[in-house]
Amino acid sequence: MQCPICGAPAKRLVENTDALVIACRRCGSYQVEEGCFNALLRLDLEGRVAALAAAKRSASPGAVPTISGVAQPSWWQRLWQSR
């Protein structure tokens, strides 16, 4: 499989009904909750990296970072970026 963050080869460590646990050489180990996986994939690279960085900042020491939601740009930000 490919890492949903950077696109590099990655391994799916555990898959359950709540989250997908991924190990990537570039991004490290992290998990993505099922409810936000598709939204994560719709983000650009910068947005995906920011989501993982936020998950790493909020994770307890020794815990696997969890991406449980992604910030979607507002309609005017999407409009501005399309120009």
PDB file of N, CA and C in Angstrom:
ATOM      1  N   MET A   1       0.828  -1.171   0.000  1.00  0.00           N
ATOM      2  CA  MET A   1       0.000   0.000   0.000  1.00  0.00           C
ATOM      3  C   MET A   1       0.874   1.237   0.000  1.00  0.00           C
ATOM      4  N   GLN A   2       0.276   2.363  -0.330  1.00  0.00           N
ATOM      5  CA  GLN A   2       0.975   3.643  -0.293  1.00  0.00           C
ATOM      6  C   GLN A   2       0.551   4.416   0.940  1.00  0.00           C
ATOM      7  N   CYS A   3       1.489   5.181   1.467  1.00  0.00           N
ATOM      8  CA  CYS A   3       1.190   6.037   2.614  1.00  0.00           C
ATOM      9  C   CYS A   3       0.189   7.104   2.183  1.00  0.00           C
ATOM     10  N   PRO A   4      -0.909   7.269   2.911  1.00  0.00           N
ATOM     11  CA  PRO A   4      -1.888   8.295   2.548  1.00  0.00           C
ATOM     12  C   PRO A   4      -1.366   9.715   2.722  1.00  0.00           C
ATOM     13  N   ILE A   5      -0.291   9.885   3.463  1.00  0.00           N
ATOM     14  CA  ILE A   5       0.264  11.219   3.681  1.00  0.00           C
ATOM     15  C   ILE A   5       1.217  11.597   2.552  1.00  0.00           C
ATOM     16  N   CYS A   6       2.267  10.790   2.331  1.00  0.00           N
ATOM     17  CA  CYS A   6       3.319  11.170   1.384  1.00  0.00           C
ATOM     18  C   CYS A   6       3.337  10.357   0.095  1.00  0.00           C
ATOM     19  N   GLY A   7       2.642   9.231   0.057  1.00  0.00           N
ATOM     20  CA  GLY A   7       2.604   8.408  -1.144  1.00  0.00           C
ATOM     21  C   GLY A   7       3.714   7.381  -1.246  1.00  0.00           C
ATOM     22  N   ALA A   8       4.615   7.348  -0.267  1.00  0.00           N
ATOM     23  CA  ALA A   8       5.705   6.367  -0.272  1.00  0.00           C
ATOM     24  C   ALA A   8       5.155   4.979   0.079  1.00  0.00           C
ATOM     25  N   PRO A   9       5.911   3.924  -0.228  1.00  0.00           N
ATOM     26  CA  PRO A   9       5.464   2.590   0.179  1.00  0.00           C
ATOM     27  C   PRO A   9       5.295   2.524   1.697  1.00  0.00           C
ATOM     28  N   ALA A  10       4.232   1.885   2.132  1.00  0.00           N
ATOM     29  CA  ALA A  10       3.932   1.782   3.563  1.00  0.00           C
ATOM     30  C   ALA A  10       3.325   0.426   3.851  1.00  0.00           C
ATOM     31  N   LYS A  11       3.272   0.094   5.128  1.00  0.00           N
ATOM     32  CA  LYS A  11       2.666  -1.162   5.556  1.00  0.00           C
ATOM     33  C   LYS A  11       1.428  -0.874   6.379  1.00  0.00           C
ATOM     34  N   ARG A  12       0.406  -1.650   6.145  1.00  0.00           N
ATOM     35  CA  ARG A  12      -0.805  -1.593   6.957  1.00  0.00           C
ATOM     36  C   ARG A  12      -0.570  -2.543   8.116  1.00  0.00           C
ATOM     37  N   LEU A  13      -0.449  -1.990   9.314  1.00  0.00           N
ATOM     38  CA  LEU A  13      -0.133  -2.820  10.467  1.00  0.00           C
ATOM     39  C   LEU A  13      -1.363  -3.499  11.031  1.00  0.00           C
ATOM     40  N   VAL A  14      -2.401  -2.744  11.275  1.00  0.00           N
ATOM     41  CA  VAL A  14      -3.615  -3.278  11.880  1.00  0.00           C
ATOM     42  C   VAL A  14      -4.793  -2.591  11.220  1.00  0.00           C
ATOM     43  N   GLU A  15      -5.821  -3.353  10.946  1.00  0.00           N
ATOM     44  CA  GLU A  15      -7.054  -2.761  10.439  1.00  0.00           C
ATOM     45  C   GLU A  15      -8.195  -3.303  11.282  1.00  0.00           C
ATOM     46  N   ASN A  16      -8.910  -2.389  11.881  1.00  0.00           N
ATOM     47  CA  ASN A  16     -10.099  -2.782  12.619  1.00  0.00           C
ATOM     48  C   ASN A  16     -11.239  -1.871  12.181  1.00  0.00           C
ATOM     49  N   THR A  17     -12.323  -1.908  12.855  1.00  0.00           N
ATOM     50  CA  THR A  17     -13.474  -1.127  12.411  1.00  0.00           C
ATOM     51  C   THR A  17     -13.336   0.351  12.722  1.00  0.00           C
ATOM     52  N   ASP A  18     -12.411   0.709  13.592  1.00  0.00           N
ATOM     53  CA  ASP A  18     -12.283   2.095  14.009  1.00  0.00           C
ATOM     54  C   ASP A  18     -11.192   2.869  13.288  1.00  0.00           C
ATOM     55  N   ALA A  19     -10.085   2.239  12.987  1.00  0.00           N
ATOM     56  CA  ALA A  19      -8.943   2.971  12.434  1.00  0.00           C
ATOM     57  C   ALA A  19      -8.045   2.062  11.606  1.00  0.00           C
ATOM     58  N   LEU A  20      -7.256   2.693  10.771  1.00  0.00           N
ATOM     59  CA  LEU A  20      -6.265   2.019   9.943  1.00  0.00           C
ATOM     60  C   LEU A  20      -4.903   2.422  10.487  1.00  0.00           C
ATOM     61  N   VAL A  21      -4.086   1.463  10.913  1.00  0.00           N
ATOM     62  CA  VAL A  21      -2.770   1.750  11.470  1.00  0.00           C
ATOM     63  C   VAL A  21      -1.737   1.525  10.376  1.00  0.00           C
ATOM     64  N   ILE A  22      -0.904   2.556  10.142  1.00  0.00           N
ATOM     65  CA  ILE A  22       0.022   2.567   9.017  1.00  0.00           C
ATOM     66  C   ILE A  22       1.434   2.817   9.510  1.00  0.00           C
ATOM     67  N   ALA A  23       2.416   2.171   8.880  1.00  0.00           N
ATOM     68  CA  ALA A  23       3.831   2.410   9.155  1.00  0.00           C
ATOM     69  C   ALA A  23       4.495   2.832   7.852  1.00  0.00           C
ATOM     70  N   CYS A  24       5.090   4.025   7.867  1.00  0.00           N
ATOM     71  CA  CYS A  24       5.775   4.573   6.697  1.00  0.00           C
ATOM     72  C   CYS A  24       7.179   4.975   7.117  1.00  0.00           C
ATOM     73  N   ARG A  25       8.161   4.727   6.250  1.00  0.00           N
ATOM     74  CA  ARG A  25       9.542   5.104   6.580  1.00  0.00           C
ATOM     75  C   ARG A  25       9.701   6.611   6.705  1.00  0.00           C
ATOM     76  N   ARG A  26       8.969   7.361   5.912  1.00  0.00           N
ATOM     77  CA  ARG A  26       9.073   8.831   5.948  1.00  0.00           C
ATOM     78  C   ARG A  26       8.245   9.432   7.079  1.00  0.00           C
ATOM     79  N   CYS A  27       7.021   8.966   7.228  1.00  0.00           N
ATOM     80  CA  CYS A  27       6.064   9.596   8.148  1.00  0.00           C
ATOM     81  C   CYS A  27       6.019   8.948   9.522  1.00  0.00           C
ATOM     82  N   GLY A  28       6.527   7.731   9.644  1.00  0.00           N
ATOM     83  CA  GLY A  28       6.459   7.012  10.905  1.00  0.00           C
ATOM     84  C   GLY A  28       5.165   6.230  11.025  1.00  0.00           C
ATOM     85  N   SER A  29       4.894   5.742  12.218  1.00  0.00           N
ATOM     86  CA  SER A  29       3.665   4.992  12.470  1.00  0.00           C
ATOM     87  C   SER A  29       2.586   5.951  12.937  1.00  0.00           C
ATOM     88  N   TYR A  30       1.392   5.758  12.438  1.00  0.00           N
ATOM     89  CA  TYR A  30       0.248   6.585  12.811  1.00  0.00           C
ATOM     90  C   TYR A  30      -1.015   5.835  12.451  1.00  0.00           C
ATOM     91  N   GLN A  31      -2.139   6.325  12.929  1.00  0.00           N
ATOM     92  CA  GLN A  31      -3.407   5.712  12.558  1.00  0.00           C
ATOM     93  C   GLN A  31      -4.375   6.777  12.082  1.00  0.00           C
ATOM     94  N   VAL A  32      -5.259   6.343  11.193  1.00  0.00           N
ATOM     95  CA  VAL A  32      -6.273   7.224  10.621  1.00  0.00           C
ATOM     96  C   VAL A  32      -7.632   6.613  10.920  1.00  0.00           C
ATOM     97  N   GLU A  33      -8.497   7.384  11.566  1.00  0.00           N
ATOM     98  CA  GLU A  33      -9.835   6.895  11.839  1.00  0.00           C
ATOM     99  C   GLU A  33     -10.602   6.756  10.530  1.00  0.00           C
ATOM    100  N   GLU A  34     -11.404   5.711  10.455  1.00  0.00           N
ATOM    101  CA  GLU A  34     -12.162   5.407   9.238  1.00  0.00           C
ATOM    102  C   GLU A  34     -13.006   6.584   8.768  1.00  0.00           C
ATOM    103  N   GLY A  35     -13.593   7.315   9.693  1.00  0.00           N
ATOM    104  CA  GLY A  35     -14.498   8.398   9.345  1.00  0.00           C
ATOM    105  C   GLY A  35     -13.856   9.564   8.628  1.00  0.00           C
ATOM    106  N   CYS A  36     -12.544   9.706   8.733  1.00  0.00           N
ATOM    107  CA  CYS A  36     -11.894  10.850   8.083  1.00  0.00           C
ATOM    108  C   CYS A  36     -10.901  10.425   7.001  1.00  0.00           C
ATOM    109  N   PHE A  37     -10.809   9.134   6.708  1.00  0.00           N
ATOM    110  CA  PHE A  37      -9.820   8.659   5.736  1.00  0.00           C
ATOM    111  C   PHE A  37     -10.026   9.284   4.356  1.00  0.00           C
ATOM    112  N   ASN A  38     -11.242   9.275   3.849  1.00  0.00           N
ATOM    113  CA  ASN A  38     -11.497   9.835   2.518  1.00  0.00           C
ATOM    114  C   ASN A  38     -11.264  11.337   2.473  1.00  0.00           C
ATOM    115  N   ALA A  39     -11.632  12.032   3.544  1.00  0.00           N
ATOM    116  CA  ALA A  39     -11.390  13.476   3.607  1.00  0.00           C
ATOM    117  C   ALA A  39      -9.896  13.764   3.618  1.00  0.00           C
ATOM    118  N   LEU A  40      -9.123  12.927   4.297  1.00  0.00           N
ATOM    119  CA  LEU A  40      -7.667  13.082   4.320  1.00  0.00           C
ATOM    120  C   LEU A  40      -7.086  12.944   2.919  1.00  0.00           C
ATOM    121  N   LEU A  41      -7.570  11.963   2.175  1.00  0.00           N
ATOM    122  CA  LEU A  41      -7.059  11.737   0.824  1.00  0.00           C
ATOM    123  C   LEU A  41      -7.404  12.877  -0.134  1.00  0.00           C
ATOM    124  N   ARG A  42      -8.469  13.617   0.148  1.00  0.00           N
ATOM    125  CA  ARG A  42      -8.854  14.735  -0.715  1.00  0.00           C
ATOM    126  C   ARG A  42      -8.010  15.986  -0.488  1.00  0.00           C
ATOM    127  N   LEU A  43      -7.257  16.019   0.609  1.00  0.00           N
ATOM    128  CA  LEU A  43      -6.399  17.168   0.880  1.00  0.00           C
ATOM    129  C   LEU A  43      -5.164  17.137  -0.010  1.00  0.00           C
ATOM    130  N   ASP A  44      -4.551  18.301  -0.209  1.00  0.00           N
ATOM    131  CA  ASP A  44      -3.276  18.329  -0.916  1.00  0.00           C
ATOM    132  C   ASP A  44      -2.179  17.871   0.047  1.00  0.00           C
ATOM    133  N   LEU A  45      -0.965  17.728  -0.463  1.00  0.00           N
ATOM    134  CA  LEU A  45       0.150  17.222   0.347  1.00  0.00           C
ATOM    135  C   LEU A  45       0.348  18.068   1.596  1.00  0.00           C
ATOM    136  N   GLU A  46       0.300  19.359   1.454  1.00  0.00           N
ATOM    137  CA  GLU A  46       0.498  20.259   2.595  1.00  0.00           C
ATOM    138  C   GLU A  46      -0.558  20.020   3.676  1.00  0.00           C
ATOM    139  N   GLY A  47      -1.791  19.825   3.278  1.00  0.00           N
ATOM    140  CA  GLY A  47      -2.863  19.570   4.230  1.00  0.00           C
ATOM    141  C   GLY A  47      -2.718  18.238   4.934  1.00  0.00           C
ATOM    142  N   ARG A  48      -2.295  17.205   4.185  1.00  0.00           N
ATOM    143  CA  ARG A  48      -2.105  15.884   4.791  1.00  0.00           C
ATOM    144  C   ARG A  48      -0.947  15.900   5.785  1.00  0.00           C
ATOM    145  N   VAL A  49       0.134  16.586   5.422  1.00  0.00           N
ATOM    146  CA  VAL A  49       1.284  16.697   6.327  1.00  0.00           C
ATOM    147  C   VAL A  49       0.885  17.471   7.580  1.00  0.00           C
ATOM    148  N   ALA A  50       0.099  18.524   7.425  1.00  0.00           N
ATOM    149  CA  ALA A  50      -0.357  19.308   8.572  1.00  0.00           C
ATOM    150  C   ALA A  50      -1.248  18.474   9.491  1.00  0.00           C
ATOM    151  N   ALA A  51      -2.102  17.635   8.923  1.00  0.00           N
ATOM    152  CA  ALA A  51      -2.967  16.775   9.730  1.00  0.00           C
ATOM    153  C   ALA A  51      -2.142  15.793  10.557  1.00  0.00           C
ATOM    154  N   LEU A  52      -1.108  15.217   9.948  1.00  0.00           N
ATOM    155  CA  LEU A  52      -0.252  14.288  10.685  1.00  0.00           C
ATOM    156  C   LEU A  52       0.550  15.028  11.748  1.00  0.00           C
ATOM    157  N   ALA A  53       1.041  16.211  11.443  1.00  0.00           N
ATOM    158  CA  ALA A  53       1.799  16.992  12.422  1.00  0.00           C
ATOM    159  C   ALA A  53       0.926  17.328  13.627  1.00  0.00           C
ATOM    160  N   ALA A  54      -0.325  17.681  13.381  1.00  0.00           N
ATOM    161  CA  ALA A  54      -1.248  17.980  14.486  1.00  0.00           C
ATOM    162  C   ALA A  54      -1.502  16.732  15.326  1.00  0.00           C
ATOM    163  N   ALA A  55      -1.638  15.584  14.678  1.00  0.00           N
ATOM    164  CA  ALA A  55      -1.858  14.334  15.410  1.00  0.00           C
ATOM    165  C   ALA A  55      -0.641  13.991  16.262  1.00  0.00           C
ATOM    166  N   LYS A  56       0.557  14.222  15.735  1.00  0.00           N
ATOM    167  CA  LYS A  56       1.777  13.939  16.497  1.00  0.00           C
ATOM    168  C   LYS A  56       1.905  14.876  17.696  1.00  0.00           C
ATOM    169  N   ARG A  57       1.534  16.143  17.518  1.00  0.00           N
ATOM    170  CA  ARG A  57       1.605  17.098  18.634  1.00  0.00           C
ATOM    171  C   ARG A  57       0.634  16.740  19.750  1.00  0.00           C
ATOM    172  N   SER A  58      -0.531  16.223  19.391  1.00  0.00           N
ATOM    173  CA  SER A  58      -1.551  15.943  20.401  1.00  0.00           C
ATOM    174  C   SER A  58      -1.449  14.543  21.004  1.00  0.00           C
ATOM    175  N   ALA A  59      -0.587  13.694  20.456  1.00  0.00           N
ATOM    176  CA  ALA A  59      -0.456  12.328  20.977  1.00  0.00           C
ATOM    177  C   ALA A  59       0.318  12.329  22.292  1.00  0.00           C
ATOM    178  N   SER A  60      -0.083  11.465  23.178  1.00  0.00           N
ATOM    179  CA  SER A  60       0.648  11.278  24.436  1.00  0.00           C
ATOM    180  C   SER A  60       2.001  10.652  24.131  1.00  0.00           C
ATOM    181  N   PRO A  61       3.003  10.899  24.971  1.00  0.00           N
ATOM    182  CA  PRO A  61       4.308  10.278  24.758  1.00  0.00           C
ATOM    183  C   PRO A  61       4.189   8.757  24.672  1.00  0.00           C
ATOM    184  N   GLY A  62       4.752   8.178  23.634  1.00  0.00           N
ATOM    185  CA  GLY A  62       4.722   6.735  23.431  1.00  0.00           C
ATOM    186  C   GLY A  62       3.473   6.208  22.741  1.00  0.00           C
ATOM    187  N   ALA A  63       2.475   7.063  22.542  1.00  0.00           N
ATOM    188  CA  ALA A  63       1.239   6.637  21.888  1.00  0.00           C
ATOM    189  C   ALA A  63       1.349   6.817  20.375  1.00  0.00           C
ATOM    190  N   VAL A  64       0.582   6.041  19.643  1.00  0.00           N
ATOM    191  CA  VAL A  64       0.541   6.171  18.185  1.00  0.00           C
ATOM    192  C   VAL A  64      -0.327   7.388  17.842  1.00  0.00           C
ATOM    193  N   PRO A  65       0.206   8.345  17.068  1.00  0.00           N
ATOM    194  CA  PRO A  65      -0.610   9.510  16.682  1.00  0.00           C
ATOM    195  C   PRO A  65      -1.836   9.072  15.891  1.00  0.00           C
ATOM    196  N   THR A  66      -2.967   9.724  16.156  1.00  0.00           N
ATOM    197  CA  THR A  66      -4.224   9.377  15.500  1.00  0.00           C
ATOM    198  C   THR A  66      -4.787  10.587  14.775  1.00  0.00           C
ATOM    199  N   ILE A  67      -5.019  10.424  13.481  1.00  0.00           N
ATOM    200  CA  ILE A  67      -5.696  11.460  12.702  1.00  0.00           C
ATOM    201  C   ILE A  67      -7.180  11.140  12.797  1.00  0.00           C
ATOM    202  N   SER A  68      -7.898  12.001  13.506  1.00  0.00           N
ATOM    203  CA  SER A  68      -9.319  11.728  13.745  1.00  0.00           C
ATOM    204  C   SER A  68     -10.225  12.727  13.043  1.00  0.00           C
ATOM    205  N   GLY A  69      -9.654  13.705  12.409  1.00  0.00           N
ATOM    206  CA  GLY A  69     -10.417  14.709  11.676  1.00  0.00           C
ATOM    207  C   GLY A  69      -9.470  15.576  10.877  1.00  0.00           C
ATOM    208  N   VAL A  70      -9.972  16.154   9.827  1.00  0.00           N
ATOM    209  CA  VAL A  70      -9.144  17.051   9.014  1.00  0.00           C
ATOM    210  C   VAL A  70      -9.885  18.360   8.817  1.00  0.00           C
ATOM    211  N   ALA A  71      -9.131  19.432   8.813  1.00  0.00           N
ATOM    212  CA  ALA A  71      -9.720  20.749   8.591  1.00  0.00           C
ATOM    213  C   ALA A  71      -9.919  20.945   7.095  1.00  0.00           C
ATOM    214  N   GLN A  72     -11.123  21.211   6.727  1.00  0.00           N
ATOM    215  CA  GLN A  72     -11.435  21.478   5.319  1.00  0.00           C
ATOM    216  C   GLN A  72     -11.346  22.975   5.079  1.00  0.00           C
ATOM    217  N   PRO A  73     -10.718  23.409   3.986  1.00  0.00           N
ATOM    218  CA  PRO A  73     -10.688  24.837   3.688  1.00  0.00           C
ATOM    219  C   PRO A  73     -12.096  25.356   3.417  1.00  0.00           C
ATOM    220  N   SER A  74     -12.324  26.591   3.810  1.00  0.00           N
ATOM    221  CA  SER A  74     -13.639  27.181   3.574  1.00  0.00           C
ATOM    222  C   SER A  74     -13.843  27.415   2.077  1.00  0.00           C
ATOM    223  N   TRP A  75     -15.057  27.715   1.694  1.00  0.00           N
ATOM    224  CA  TRP A  75     -15.373  27.891   0.266  1.00  0.00           C
ATOM    225  C   TRP A  75     -14.564  29.027  -0.334  1.00  0.00           C
ATOM    226  N   TRP A  76     -14.320  30.089   0.417  1.00  0.00           N
ATOM    227  CA  TRP A  76     -13.565  31.208  -0.165  1.00  0.00           C
ATOM    228  C   TRP A  76     -12.091  30.874  -0.300  1.00  0.00           C
ATOM    229  N   GLN A  77     -11.539  30.023   0.592  1.00  0.00           N
ATOM    230  CA  GLN A  77     -10.152  29.597   0.455  1.00  0.00           C
ATOM    231  C   GLN A  77      -9.979  28.710  -0.777  1.00  0.00           C
ATOM    232  N   ARG A  78     -10.964  27.831  -1.019  1.00  0.00           N
ATOM    233  CA  ARG A  78     -10.894  26.982  -2.220  1.00  0.00           C
ATOM    234  C   ARG A  78     -11.003  27.837  -3.472  1.00  0.00           C
ATOM    235  N   LEU A  79     -11.863  28.842  -3.436  1.00  0.00           N
ATOM    236  CA  LEU A  79     -12.021  29.742  -4.574  1.00  0.00           C
ATOM    237  C   LEU A  79     -10.732  30.507  -4.827  1.00  0.00           C
ATOM    238  N   TRP A  80     -10.120  31.019  -3.784  1.00  0.00           N
ATOM    239  CA  TRP A  80      -8.883  31.798  -3.906  1.00  0.00           C
ATOM    240  C   TRP A  80      -7.751  30.929  -4.462  1.00  0.00           C
ATOM    241  N   GLN A  81      -7.646  29.672  -4.004  1.00  0.00           N
ATOM    242  CA  GLN A  81      -6.583  28.779  -4.454  1.00  0.00           C
ATOM    243  C   GLN A  81      -6.760  28.362  -5.900  1.00  0.00           C
ATOM    244  N   SER A  82      -7.981  28.390  -6.412  1.00  0.00           N
ATOM    245  CA  SER A  82      -8.210  27.942  -7.793  1.00  0.00           C
ATOM    246  C   SER A  82      -7.778  28.983  -8.816  1.00  0.00           C
ATOM    247  N   ARG A  83      -7.462  30.176  -8.365  1.00  0.00           N
ATOM    248  CA  ARG A  83      -7.056  31.235  -9.315  1.00  0.00           C
ATOM    249  C   ARG A  83      -5.619  31.166  -9.653  1.00  0.00           C
TER     250      ARG A  83
END
